[in-house]
Amino acid sequence: MVKRPIGAISFGVFLAICGVAGFAYAANLITPWETVPLVAVLYGIWAIILAAIKHASPEKYEMGAFVVGIWGAIMLGGGALWFLSARISVIAALAGFVVLIGILTVAAGFRAWGTRKK
């Protein structure tokens, strides 16, 4: 059985994302303080794509697609809110974070509801 090289692919995606953030900073599209949130947003998108790949073909002893998807949503939402906190008020970003946590809690609740035994 050949194991998927997800770690190597994810590292390559991370390096590409860091390069994109560097180009965005060099082109004066973002400030230096917005590069890390941009990396978090783009890597969160990758994690959600990775969760879809894992859901389509799960492997034994790998982290589940739901967990990877939740971490992707946390990175995407947290990075977006961090990015927006530099552009809008911090109070609005904190309110968005509370909404993000609420949505993730509802998603986890629905998953637990769907997997309970009768």
Protein backbone atom coordinates (compact mmCIF):
# COMPACT_ATOMS: atom_id res chain seq x y z
CA MET A 1 0.00 0.00 0.00
CA VAL A 2 1.41 3.36 -1.03
CA LYS A 3 0.74 6.20 1.37
CA ARG A 4 -0.24 9.59 -0.04
CA PRO A 5 2.49 12.25 0.23
CA ILE A 6 0.11 14.80 1.79
CA GLY A 7 2.82 16.25 4.02
CA ALA A 8 5.14 17.05 1.12
CA ILE A 9 2.30 18.48 -0.95
CA SER A 10 1.08 20.62 1.96
CA PHE A 11 4.60 21.95 2.55
CA GLY A 12 4.87 22.88 -1.12
CA VAL A 13 1.50 24.63 -0.96
CA PHE A 14 2.65 26.49 2.17
CA LEU A 15 5.81 27.69 0.40
CA ALA A 16 3.77 28.81 -2.62
CA ILE A 17 1.37 30.68 -0.31
CA CYS A 18 4.29 32.40 1.43
CA GLY A 19 5.56 33.43 -2.00
CA VAL A 20 2.15 34.85 -2.94
CA ALA A 21 2.06 36.83 0.31
CA GLY A 22 5.57 38.11 -0.42
CA PHE A 23 4.52 39.22 -3.89
CA ALA A 24 1.42 40.93 -2.47
CA TYR A 25 3.61 42.82 -0.02
CA ALA A 26 6.17 43.72 -2.70
CA ALA A 27 3.38 45.06 -4.91
CA ASN A 28 2.14 47.23 -2.02
CA LEU A 29 -1.21 45.45 -1.95
CA ILE A 30 -0.87 44.65 1.76
CA THR A 31 1.14 45.97 4.69
CA PRO A 32 3.81 43.91 6.45
CA TRP A 33 1.35 43.27 9.32
CA GLU A 34 -1.14 41.71 6.90
CA THR A 35 1.16 39.06 5.43
CA VAL A 36 0.65 36.49 8.19
CA PRO A 37 -3.17 36.77 8.10
CA LEU A 38 -3.06 36.38 4.31
CA VAL A 39 -0.99 33.20 4.70
CA ALA A 40 -3.51 31.92 7.26
CA VAL A 41 -6.46 32.62 4.95
CA LEU A 42 -4.88 30.95 1.93
CA TYR A 43 -3.64 27.95 3.94
CA GLY A 44 -7.09 27.61 5.49
CA ILE A 45 -8.51 27.34 1.98
CA TRP A 46 -5.94 24.62 1.24
CA ALA A 47 -6.92 22.75 4.40
CA ILE A 48 -10.58 22.79 3.35
CA ILE A 49 -9.62 21.46 -0.09
CA LEU A 50 -7.52 18.80 1.64
CA ALA A 51 -10.52 17.84 3.79
CA ALA A 52 -12.57 17.32 0.62
CA ILE A 53 -9.80 15.10 -0.78
CA LYS A 54 -9.66 13.09 2.44
CA HIS A 55 -13.45 12.73 2.49
CA ALA A 56 -13.48 11.36 -1.05
CA SER A 57 -10.85 8.70 -0.30
CA PRO A 58 -10.13 8.21 3.42
CA GLU A 59 -6.97 6.40 4.45
CA LYS A 60 -6.50 4.27 7.53
CA TYR A 61 -4.85 6.02 10.51
CA GLU A 62 -5.13 9.49 8.96
CA MET A 63 -6.76 12.45 10.62
CA GLY A 64 -10.42 12.57 9.64
CA ALA A 65 -11.77 14.87 6.96
CA PHE A 66 -14.07 16.61 9.46
CA VAL A 67 -11.18 17.56 11.75
CA VAL A 68 -9.09 18.83 8.85
CA GLY A 69 -12.07 20.80 7.54
CA ILE A 70 -12.72 22.37 10.95
CA TRP A 71 -9.06 23.40 11.26
CA GLY A 72 -9.24 24.83 7.76
CA ALA A 73 -12.33 26.83 8.69
CA ILE A 74 -10.62 28.08 11.86
CA MET A 75 -7.53 29.17 9.90
CA LEU A 76 -9.62 30.74 7.14
CA GLY A 77 -11.99 32.54 9.49
CA GLY A 78 -9.36 33.53 12.02
CA GLY A 79 -7.00 34.80 9.34
CA ALA A 80 -9.78 36.73 7.62
CA LEU A 81 -10.84 38.32 10.88
CA TRP A 82 -7.22 39.14 11.74
CA PHE A 83 -6.81 40.65 8.28
CA LEU A 84 -10.00 42.66 8.66
CA SER A 85 -9.07 43.85 12.15
CA ALA A 86 -6.24 45.81 10.54
CA ARG A 87 -8.71 47.42 8.13
CA ILE A 88 -11.83 47.84 10.28
CA SER A 89 -12.52 48.01 14.02
CA VAL A 90 -11.26 45.35 16.38
CA ILE A 91 -14.72 45.08 17.98
CA ALA A 92 -16.21 44.02 14.63
CA ALA A 93 -13.46 41.42 14.20
CA LEU A 94 -14.10 40.04 17.69
CA ALA A 95 -17.82 39.84 16.96
CA GLY A 96 -17.00 37.96 13.75
CA PHE A 97 -14.81 35.56 15.75
CA VAL A 98 -17.71 34.81 18.09
CA VAL A 99 -19.92 34.12 15.07
CA LEU A 100 -17.22 31.81 13.62
CA ILE A 101 -16.99 29.83 16.86
CA GLY A 102 -20.79 29.58 16.95
CA ILE A 103 -20.93 28.23 13.39
CA LEU A 104 -18.21 25.66 14.14
CA THR A 105 -20.05 24.57 17.29
CA VAL A 106 -23.26 24.08 15.32
CA ALA A 107 -21.38 22.08 12.67
CA ALA A 108 -19.84 19.85 15.35
CA GLY A 109 -23.25 19.40 16.97
CA PHE A 110 -24.86 18.36 13.69
CA ARG A 111 -22.03 15.90 13.06
CA ALA A 112 -22.48 14.38 16.52
CA TRP A 113 -26.24 14.26 16.01
CA GLY A 114 -25.85 12.41 12.71
CA THR A 115 -23.45 9.80 14.11
CA ARG A 116 -25.24 8.89 17.35
CA LYS A 117 -26.53 5.35 17.70
CA LYS A 118 -30.21 4.64 18.02
